[in-house]
C-alpha atoms as a PDB file:
ATOM      1  CA  UNK A   1      91.197 168.176 132.355  1.00  0.00           C
ATOM      2  CA  UNK A   2      92.126 165.540 129.773  1.00  0.00           C
ATOM      3  CA  UNK A   3      93.443 166.725 126.419  1.00  0.00           C
ATOM      4  CA  UNK A   4      90.863 166.046 123.699  1.00  0.00           C
ATOM      5  CA  UNK A   5      91.850 163.414 121.161  1.00  0.00           C
ATOM      6  CA  UNK A   6      91.348 165.754 118.220  1.00  0.00           C
ATOM      7  CA  UNK A   7      92.908 169.021 116.943  1.00  0.00           C
ATOM      8  CA  UNK A   8      89.706 171.085 116.650  1.00  0.00           C
ATOM      9  CA  UNK A   9      88.285 174.149 118.354  1.00  0.00           C
ATOM     10  CA  UNK A  10      86.654 174.675 120.752  1.00  0.00           C
ATOM     11  CA  UNK A  11      88.942 172.274 122.588  1.00  0.00           C
ATOM     12  CA  UNK A  12      86.055 170.743 124.537  1.00  0.00           C
ATOM     13  CA  UNK A  13      84.278 169.755 121.304  1.00  0.00           C
ATOM     14  CA  UNK A  14      82.961 166.203 121.494  1.00  0.00           C
ATOM     15  CA  UNK A  15      83.546 164.040 118.408  1.00  0.00           C
ATOM     16  CA  UNK A  16      82.482 160.460 119.153  1.00  0.00           C
ATOM     17  CA  UNK A  17      84.176 157.920 116.888  1.00  0.00           C
ATOM     18  CA  UNK A  18      86.771 160.395 115.626  1.00  0.00           C
ATOM     19  CA  UNK A  19      89.630 158.848 113.643  1.00  0.00           C
ATOM     20  CA  UNK A  20      92.681 161.075 112.928  1.00  0.00           C
ATOM     21  CA  UNK A  21      93.659 161.646 109.310  1.00  0.00           C
ATOM     22  CA  UNK A  22      96.536 159.489 108.087  1.00  0.00           C
ATOM     23  CA  UNK A  23      97.616 162.228 105.661  1.00  0.00           C
ATOM     24  CA  UNK A  24      99.613 165.314 106.697  1.00  0.00           C
ATOM     25  CA  UNK A  25      97.951 168.667 106.249  1.00  0.00           C
ATOM     26  CA  UNK A  26     100.423 169.907 103.649  1.00  0.00           C
ATOM     27  CA  UNK A  27      99.625 166.901 101.485  1.00  0.00           C
ATOM     28  CA  UNK A  28      95.884 167.561 101.613  1.00  0.00           C
ATOM     29  CA  UNK A  29      96.304 171.279 100.914  1.00  0.00           C
ATOM     30  CA  UNK A  30      98.782 170.570  98.120  1.00  0.00           C
ATOM     31  CA  UNK A  31      96.465 168.092  96.399  1.00  0.00           C
ATOM     32  CA  UNK A  32      93.565 170.552  96.436  1.00  0.00           C
ATOM     33  CA  UNK A  33      95.801 173.397  95.221  1.00  0.00           C
ATOM     34  CA  UNK A  34      97.149 171.244  92.373  1.00  0.00           C
ATOM     35  CA  UNK A  35      93.652 170.182  91.325  1.00  0.00           C
ATOM     36  CA  UNK A  36      92.378 173.765  91.365  1.00  0.00           C
ATOM     37  CA  UNK A  37      95.403 174.992  89.408  1.00  0.00           C
ATOM     38  CA  UNK A  38      94.832 172.270  86.829  1.00  0.00           C
ATOM     39  CA  UNK A  39      91.178 173.220  86.326  1.00  0.00           C
ATOM     40  CA  UNK A  40      92.063 176.915  86.116  1.00  0.00           C
ATOM     41  CA  UNK A  41      94.755 176.160  83.521  1.00  0.00           C
ATOM     42  CA  UNK A  42      92.411 173.945  81.503  1.00  0.00           C
ATOM     43  CA  UNK A  43      89.750 176.654  81.369  1.00  0.00           C
ATOM     44  CA  UNK A  44      92.384 179.180  80.325  1.00  0.00           C
ATOM     45  CA  UNK A  45      93.680 176.900  77.570  1.00  0.00           C
ATOM     46  CA  UNK A  46      90.221 176.120  76.182  1.00  0.00           C
ATOM     47  CA  UNK A  47      89.362 179.821  76.095  1.00  0.00           C
ATOM     48  CA  UNK A  48      92.432 180.547  73.967  1.00  0.00           C
ATOM     49  CA  UNK A  49      91.112 178.679  70.946  1.00  0.00           C
ATOM     50  CA  UNK A  50      87.566 179.973  70.897  1.00  0.00           C
ATOM     51  CA  UNK A  51      85.989 181.239  67.712  1.00  0.00           C
ATOM     52  CA  UNK A  52      88.757 180.459  65.234  1.00  0.00           C
ATOM     53  CA  UNK A  53      87.438 179.703  61.819  1.00  0.00           C
ATOM     54  CA  UNK A  54      84.158 181.447  62.652  1.00  0.00           C
ATOM     55  CA  UNK A  55      85.279 185.030  62.257  1.00  0.00           C
ATOM     56  CA  UNK A  56      85.760 185.421  66.006  1.00  0.00           C
ATOM     57  CA  UNK A  57      89.065 185.456  67.832  1.00  0.00           C
ATOM     58  CA  UNK A  58      89.970 183.849  71.148  1.00  0.00           C
ATOM     59  CA  UNK A  59      88.526 185.130  74.392  1.00  0.00           C
ATOM     60  CA  UNK A  60      90.279 187.987  76.188  1.00  0.00           C
ATOM     61  CA  UNK A  61      92.718 187.136  79.014  1.00  0.00           C
ATOM     62  CA  UNK A  62      90.191 188.298  81.631  1.00  0.00           C
ATOM     63  CA  UNK A  63      87.444 186.184  80.084  1.00  0.00           C
ATOM     64  CA  UNK A  64      89.777 183.175  79.896  1.00  0.00           C
ATOM     65  CA  UNK A  65      90.493 183.581  83.625  1.00  0.00           C
ATOM     66  CA  UNK A  66      86.755 183.702  84.289  1.00  0.00           C
ATOM     67  CA  UNK A  67      86.331 180.554  82.214  1.00  0.00           C
ATOM     68  CA  UNK A  68      88.955 178.811  84.346  1.00  0.00           C
ATOM     69  CA  UNK A  69      87.268 180.117  87.490  1.00  0.00           C
ATOM     70  CA  UNK A  70      83.906 178.591  86.600  1.00  0.00           C
ATOM     71  CA  UNK A  71      85.533 175.260  85.757  1.00  0.00           C
ATOM     72  CA  UNK A  72      87.399 175.388  89.092  1.00  0.00           C
ATOM     73  CA  UNK A  73      84.120 176.157  90.881  1.00  0.00           C
ATOM     74  CA  UNK A  74      82.392 173.235  89.191  1.00  0.00           C
ATOM     75  CA  UNK A  75      85.118 170.929  90.501  1.00  0.00           C
ATOM     76  CA  UNK A  76      85.267 172.331  94.036  1.00  0.00           C
ATOM     77  CA  UNK A  77      81.488 172.531  94.453  1.00  0.00           C
ATOM     78  CA  UNK A  78      80.700 169.259  92.732  1.00  0.00           C
ATOM     79  CA  UNK A  79      83.467 167.037  94.112  1.00  0.00           C
ATOM     80  CA  UNK A  80      84.583 168.425  97.481  1.00  0.00           C
ATOM     81  CA  UNK A  81      81.337 169.982  98.643  1.00  0.00           C
ATOM     82  CA  UNK A  82      79.260 167.269  96.991  1.00  0.00           C
ATOM     83  CA  UNK A  83      81.135 164.668  99.052  1.00  0.00           C
ATOM     84  CA  UNK A  84      80.536 166.638 102.236  1.00  0.00           C
ATOM     85  CA  UNK A  85      76.842 167.039 101.449  1.00  0.00           C
ATOM     86  CA  UNK A  86      76.459 163.269 101.172  1.00  0.00           C
ATOM     87  CA  UNK A  87      78.919 162.083 103.833  1.00  0.00           C
ATOM     88  CA  UNK A  88      78.990 164.776 106.537  1.00  0.00           C
ATOM     89  CA  UNK A  89      77.633 162.429 109.216  1.00  0.00           C
ATOM     90  CA  UNK A  90      80.453 159.970 108.522  1.00  0.00           C
ATOM     91  CA  UNK A  91      83.243 162.555 108.466  1.00  0.00           C
ATOM     92  CA  UNK A  92      84.655 162.115 112.013  1.00  0.00           C
ATOM     93  CA  UNK A  93      85.299 158.408 111.404  1.00  0.00           C
ATOM     94  CA  UNK A  94      85.957 158.529 107.646  1.00  0.00           C
ATOM     95  CA  UNK A  95      89.462 157.825 106.336  1.00  0.00           C
ATOM     96  CA  UNK A  96      89.489 158.371 102.557  1.00  0.00           C
ATOM     97  CA  UNK A  97      91.327 161.159 100.678  1.00  0.00           C
ATOM     98  CA  UNK A  98      88.337 163.525 100.559  1.00  0.00           C
ATOM     99  CA  UNK A  99      87.688 162.948 104.247  1.00  0.00           C
ATOM    100  CA  UNK A 100      91.321 163.855 104.915  1.00  0.00           C
ATOM    101  CA  UNK A 101      90.880 167.128 103.009  1.00  0.00           C
ATOM    102  CA  UNK A 102      87.802 168.025 105.048  1.00  0.00           C
ATOM    103  CA  UNK A 103      89.464 167.060 108.331  1.00  0.00           C
ATOM    104  CA  UNK A 104      92.321 169.399 107.455  1.00  0.00           C
ATOM    105  CA  UNK A 105      90.003 172.272 106.510  1.00  0.00           C
ATOM    106  CA  UNK A 106      87.877 171.685 109.632  1.00  0.00           C
ATOM    107  CA  UNK A 107      90.797 172.977 111.699  1.00  0.00           C
ATOM    108  CA  UNK A 108      89.647 176.354 110.392  1.00  0.00           C
ATOM    109  CA  UNK A 109      85.958 175.626 111.030  1.00  0.00           C
ATOM    110  CA  UNK A 110      85.037 172.662 113.216  1.00  0.00           C
ATOM    111  CA  UNK A 111      81.350 173.001 112.300  1.00  0.00           C
ATOM    112  CA  UNK A 112      82.166 170.646 109.448  1.00  0.00           C
ATOM    113  CA  UNK A 113      82.966 167.908 111.964  1.00  0.00           C
ATOM    114  CA  UNK A 114      79.627 168.153 113.765  1.00  0.00           C
ATOM    115  CA  UNK A 115      77.097 168.227 110.882  1.00  0.00           C
ATOM    116  CA  UNK A 116      76.175 171.795 111.829  1.00  0.00           C
ATOM    117  CA  UNK A 117      72.751 172.595 110.318  1.00  0.00           C
ATOM    118  CA  UNK A 118      73.767 175.801 108.574  1.00  0.00           C
ATOM    119  CA  UNK A 119      76.990 174.362 107.172  1.00  0.00           C
ATOM    120  CA  UNK A 120      75.284 171.248 105.818  1.00  0.00           C
ATOM    121  CA  UNK A 121      72.453 173.267 104.262  1.00  0.00           C
ATOM    122  CA  UNK A 122      74.836 175.802 102.700  1.00  0.00           C
ATOM    123  CA  UNK A 123      77.169 173.163 101.281  1.00  0.00           C
ATOM    124  CA  UNK A 124      74.263 171.122  99.918  1.00  0.00           C
ATOM    125  CA  UNK A 125      72.902 174.107  98.001  1.00  0.00           C
ATOM    126  CA  UNK A 126      76.416 174.961  96.827  1.00  0.00           C
ATOM    127  CA  UNK A 127      77.129 171.414  95.656  1.00  0.00           C
ATOM    128  CA  UNK A 128      73.890 170.654  93.849  1.00  0.00           C
ATOM    129  CA  UNK A 129      72.966 174.132  92.567  1.00  0.00           C
ATOM    130  CA  UNK A 130      76.089 176.238  92.095  1.00  0.00           C
ATOM    131  CA  UNK A 131      78.265 173.271  91.077  1.00  0.00           C
ATOM    132  CA  UNK A 132      76.237 172.218  88.006  1.00  0.00           C
ATOM    133  CA  UNK A 133      75.409 175.842  87.172  1.00  0.00           C
ATOM    134  CA  UNK A 134      79.115 176.740  87.291  1.00  0.00           C
ATOM    135  CA  UNK A 135      79.800 174.055  84.694  1.00  0.00           C
ATOM    136  CA  UNK A 136      76.840 175.249  82.619  1.00  0.00           C
ATOM    137  CA  UNK A 137      78.256 178.790  82.765  1.00  0.00           C
ATOM    138  CA  UNK A 138      81.641 177.451  81.658  1.00  0.00           C
ATOM    139  CA  UNK A 139      80.006 175.754  78.645  1.00  0.00           C
ATOM    140  CA  UNK A 140      77.930 178.848  77.873  1.00  0.00           C
ATOM    141  CA  UNK A 141      81.073 180.989  77.577  1.00  0.00           C
ATOM    142  CA  UNK A 142      82.850 178.351  75.504  1.00  0.00           C
ATOM    143  CA  UNK A 143      79.942 178.380  73.040  1.00  0.00           C
ATOM    144  CA  UNK A 144      79.206 182.095  73.454  1.00  0.00           C
ATOM    145  CA  UNK A 145      75.631 181.329  74.352  1.00  0.00           C
ATOM    146  CA  UNK A 146      73.356 184.399  74.709  1.00  0.00           C
ATOM    147  CA  UNK A 147      72.520 183.453  78.308  1.00  0.00           C
ATOM    148  CA  UNK A 148      76.141 183.356  79.466  1.00  0.00           C
ATOM    149  CA  UNK A 149      76.089 186.628  81.415  1.00  0.00           C
ATOM    150  CA  UNK A 150      72.731 185.796  82.994  1.00  0.00           C
ATOM    151  CA  UNK A 151      74.263 182.535  84.234  1.00  0.00           C
ATOM    152  CA  UNK A 152      77.383 184.351  85.427  1.00  0.00           C
ATOM    153  CA  UNK A 153      75.229 186.778  87.419  1.00  0.00           C
ATOM    154  CA  UNK A 154      73.085 184.005  88.915  1.00  0.00           C
ATOM    155  CA  UNK A 155      75.992 181.801  90.006  1.00  0.00           C
ATOM    156  CA  UNK A 156      78.077 184.681  91.343  1.00  0.00           C
ATOM    157  CA  UNK A 157      75.184 186.120  93.366  1.00  0.00           C
ATOM    158  CA  UNK A 158      74.539 182.697  94.886  1.00  0.00           C
ATOM    159  CA  UNK A 159      78.193 182.207  95.777  1.00  0.00           C
ATOM    160  CA  UNK A 160      78.515 185.677  97.278  1.00  0.00           C
ATOM    161  CA  UNK A 161      75.327 185.359  99.332  1.00  0.00           C
ATOM    162  CA  UNK A 162      76.347 181.960 100.698  1.00  0.00           C
ATOM    163  CA  UNK A 163      79.818 183.171 101.634  1.00  0.00           C
ATOM    164  CA  UNK A 164      78.505 186.292 103.368  1.00  0.00           C
ATOM    165  CA  UNK A 165      76.179 184.111 105.468  1.00  0.00           C
ATOM    166  CA  UNK A 166      79.053 181.730 106.166  1.00  0.00           C
ATOM    167  CA  UNK A 167      81.255 184.523 107.540  1.00  0.00           C
ATOM    168  CA  UNK A 168      78.338 186.134 109.394  1.00  0.00           C
ATOM    169  CA  UNK A 169      77.299 182.984 111.247  1.00  0.00           C
ATOM    170  CA  UNK A 170      80.915 182.299 112.258  1.00  0.00           C
ATOM    171  CA  UNK A 171      81.291 185.878 113.494  1.00  0.00           C
ATOM    172  CA  UNK A 172      78.092 185.668 115.563  1.00  0.00           C
ATOM    173  CA  UNK A 173      79.525 182.584 117.250  1.00  0.00           C
ATOM    174  CA  UNK A 174      82.645 184.584 118.152  1.00  0.00           C
ATOM    175  CA  UNK A 175      84.863 182.594 115.791  1.00  0.00           C
ATOM    176  CA  UNK A 176      84.687 179.817 118.394  1.00  0.00           C
ATOM    177  CA  UNK A 177      85.040 177.039 115.819  1.00  0.00           C
ATOM    178  CA  UNK A 178      88.296 178.259 114.262  1.00  0.00           C
ATOM    179  CA  UNK A 179      91.827 177.401 115.313  1.00  0.00           C
ATOM    180  CA  UNK A 180      93.333 180.833 116.112  1.00  0.00           C
ATOM    181  CA  UNK A 181      96.721 180.018 114.600  1.00  0.00           C
ATOM    182  CA  UNK A 182      97.393 182.198 111.488  1.00  0.00           C
ATOM    183  CA  UNK A 183      97.553 179.316 108.980  1.00  0.00           C
ATOM    184  CA  UNK A 184      94.105 178.067 109.867  1.00  0.00           C
ATOM    185  CA  UNK A 185      92.292 181.309 110.651  1.00  0.00           C
ATOM    186  CA  UNK A 186      93.864 183.751 108.186  1.00  0.00           C
ATOM    187  CA  UNK A 187      95.012 181.232 105.589  1.00  0.00           C
ATOM    188  CA  UNK A 188      92.240 178.641 105.402  1.00  0.00           C
ATOM    189  CA  UNK A 189      89.250 180.452 106.847  1.00  0.00           C
ATOM    190  CA  UNK A 190      89.700 184.056 105.728  1.00  0.00           C
ATOM    191  CA  UNK A 191      91.824 183.858 102.565  1.00  0.00           C
ATOM    192  CA  UNK A 192      90.286 180.793 100.938  1.00  0.00           C
ATOM    193  CA  UNK A 193      86.709 181.819 101.611  1.00  0.00           C
ATOM    194  CA  UNK A 194      87.531 185.422 100.784  1.00  0.00           C
ATOM    195  CA  UNK A 195      88.150 184.348  97.184  1.00  0.00           C
ATOM    196  CA  UNK A 196      84.433 183.512  96.932  1.00  0.00           C
ATOM    197  CA  UNK A 197      83.635 187.080  97.967  1.00  0.00           C
ATOM    198  CA  UNK A 198      86.124 188.970  95.799  1.00  0.00           C
ATOM    199  CA  UNK A 199      85.860 186.992  92.555  1.00  0.00           C
ATOM    200  CA  UNK A 200      82.043 186.686  92.479  1.00  0.00           C
ATOM    201  CA  UNK A 201      81.843 190.381  93.367  1.00  0.00           C
ATOM    202  CA  UNK A 202      83.949 191.269  90.334  1.00  0.00           C
ATOM    203  CA  UNK A 203      81.958 188.891  88.111  1.00  0.00           C
ATOM    204  CA  UNK A 204      78.660 190.392  89.288  1.00  0.00           C
ATOM    205  CA  UNK A 205      79.924 193.845  88.260  1.00  0.00           C
ATOM    206  CA  UNK A 206      81.095 192.424  84.919  1.00  0.00           C
ATOM    207  CA  UNK A 207      77.738 190.756  84.221  1.00  0.00           C
ATOM    208  CA  UNK A 208      75.889 193.927  85.262  1.00  0.00           C
ATOM    209  CA  UNK A 209      77.902 195.945  82.745  1.00  0.00           C
ATOM    210  CA  UNK A 210      77.313 193.534  79.848  1.00  0.00           C
ATOM    211  CA  UNK A 211      73.625 192.995  80.559  1.00  0.00           C
ATOM    212  CA  UNK A 212      73.104 196.739  80.959  1.00  0.00           C
ATOM    213  CA  UNK A 213      74.801 197.388  77.601  1.00  0.00           C
ATOM    214  CA  UNK A 214      72.586 194.770  75.932  1.00  0.00           C
ATOM    215  CA  UNK A 215      69.442 196.307  77.399  1.00  0.00           C
ATOM    216  CA  UNK A 216      70.464 199.819  76.309  1.00  0.00           C
ATOM    217  CA  UNK A 217      71.012 198.543  72.769  1.00  0.00           C
ATOM    218  CA  UNK A 218      67.569 196.936  72.807  1.00  0.00           C
ATOM    219  CA  UNK A 219      65.969 200.112  74.125  1.00  0.00           C
ATOM    220  CA  UNK A 220      67.390 202.352  71.372  1.00  0.00           C
ATOM    221  CA  UNK A 221      64.723 203.662  68.969  1.00  0.00           C
ATOM    222  CA  UNK A 222      64.684 201.707  65.749  1.00  0.00           C
ATOM    223  CA  UNK A 223      64.719 203.847  62.616  1.00  0.00           C
ATOM    224  CA  UNK A 224      62.111 202.951  60.058  1.00  0.00           C
ATOM    225  CA  UNK A 225      63.121 203.082  56.421  1.00  0.00           C
ATOM    226  CA  UNK A 226      66.509 203.818  54.917  1.00  0.00           C
END
């Protein structure tokens, strides 16, 4: 049997018109990591100056991390996943920098190379719903808008639900689309996607606590007269 002219699993996967990436994997992963770190740092920095001159201090360290997280999500969902949503059919033959990133990640999940229906639908919703809403949540926390925890709950629930379905569909297929080597399966597939289970889970609990406290305060009997 001839060796397929691509690095993806299953090895018999057919990818007509496939063009190998001209960029090494470490370069693609490093560029994404640097971009994400930059967005996280920017969100953290902007959160440190909130409220001065208005009788309110800067956001707490945990809230500043959450601010950076939502800015990071806006970038990842809007740029990376937005590109995939629009160009998934062209990916096997595409050669640009974003195509190189997706070709590297697809070693962990080759469904991205075949315009798999679930993957395209999930990434489209993620790009055009959770991307803009992540940025709106970021702005809401910067301005301390009353709806900020409602937005946090909405975005985090959407991210968690999508990621659970993503893992579940891959598991039902017997992980057949993932390169079994540790870097790709445990590093790319499990660890990277696991972040969008753990962090949204924590943010859902955080939003639940704040919204519950607000509702309890609203439900308290109001004393008439003083």
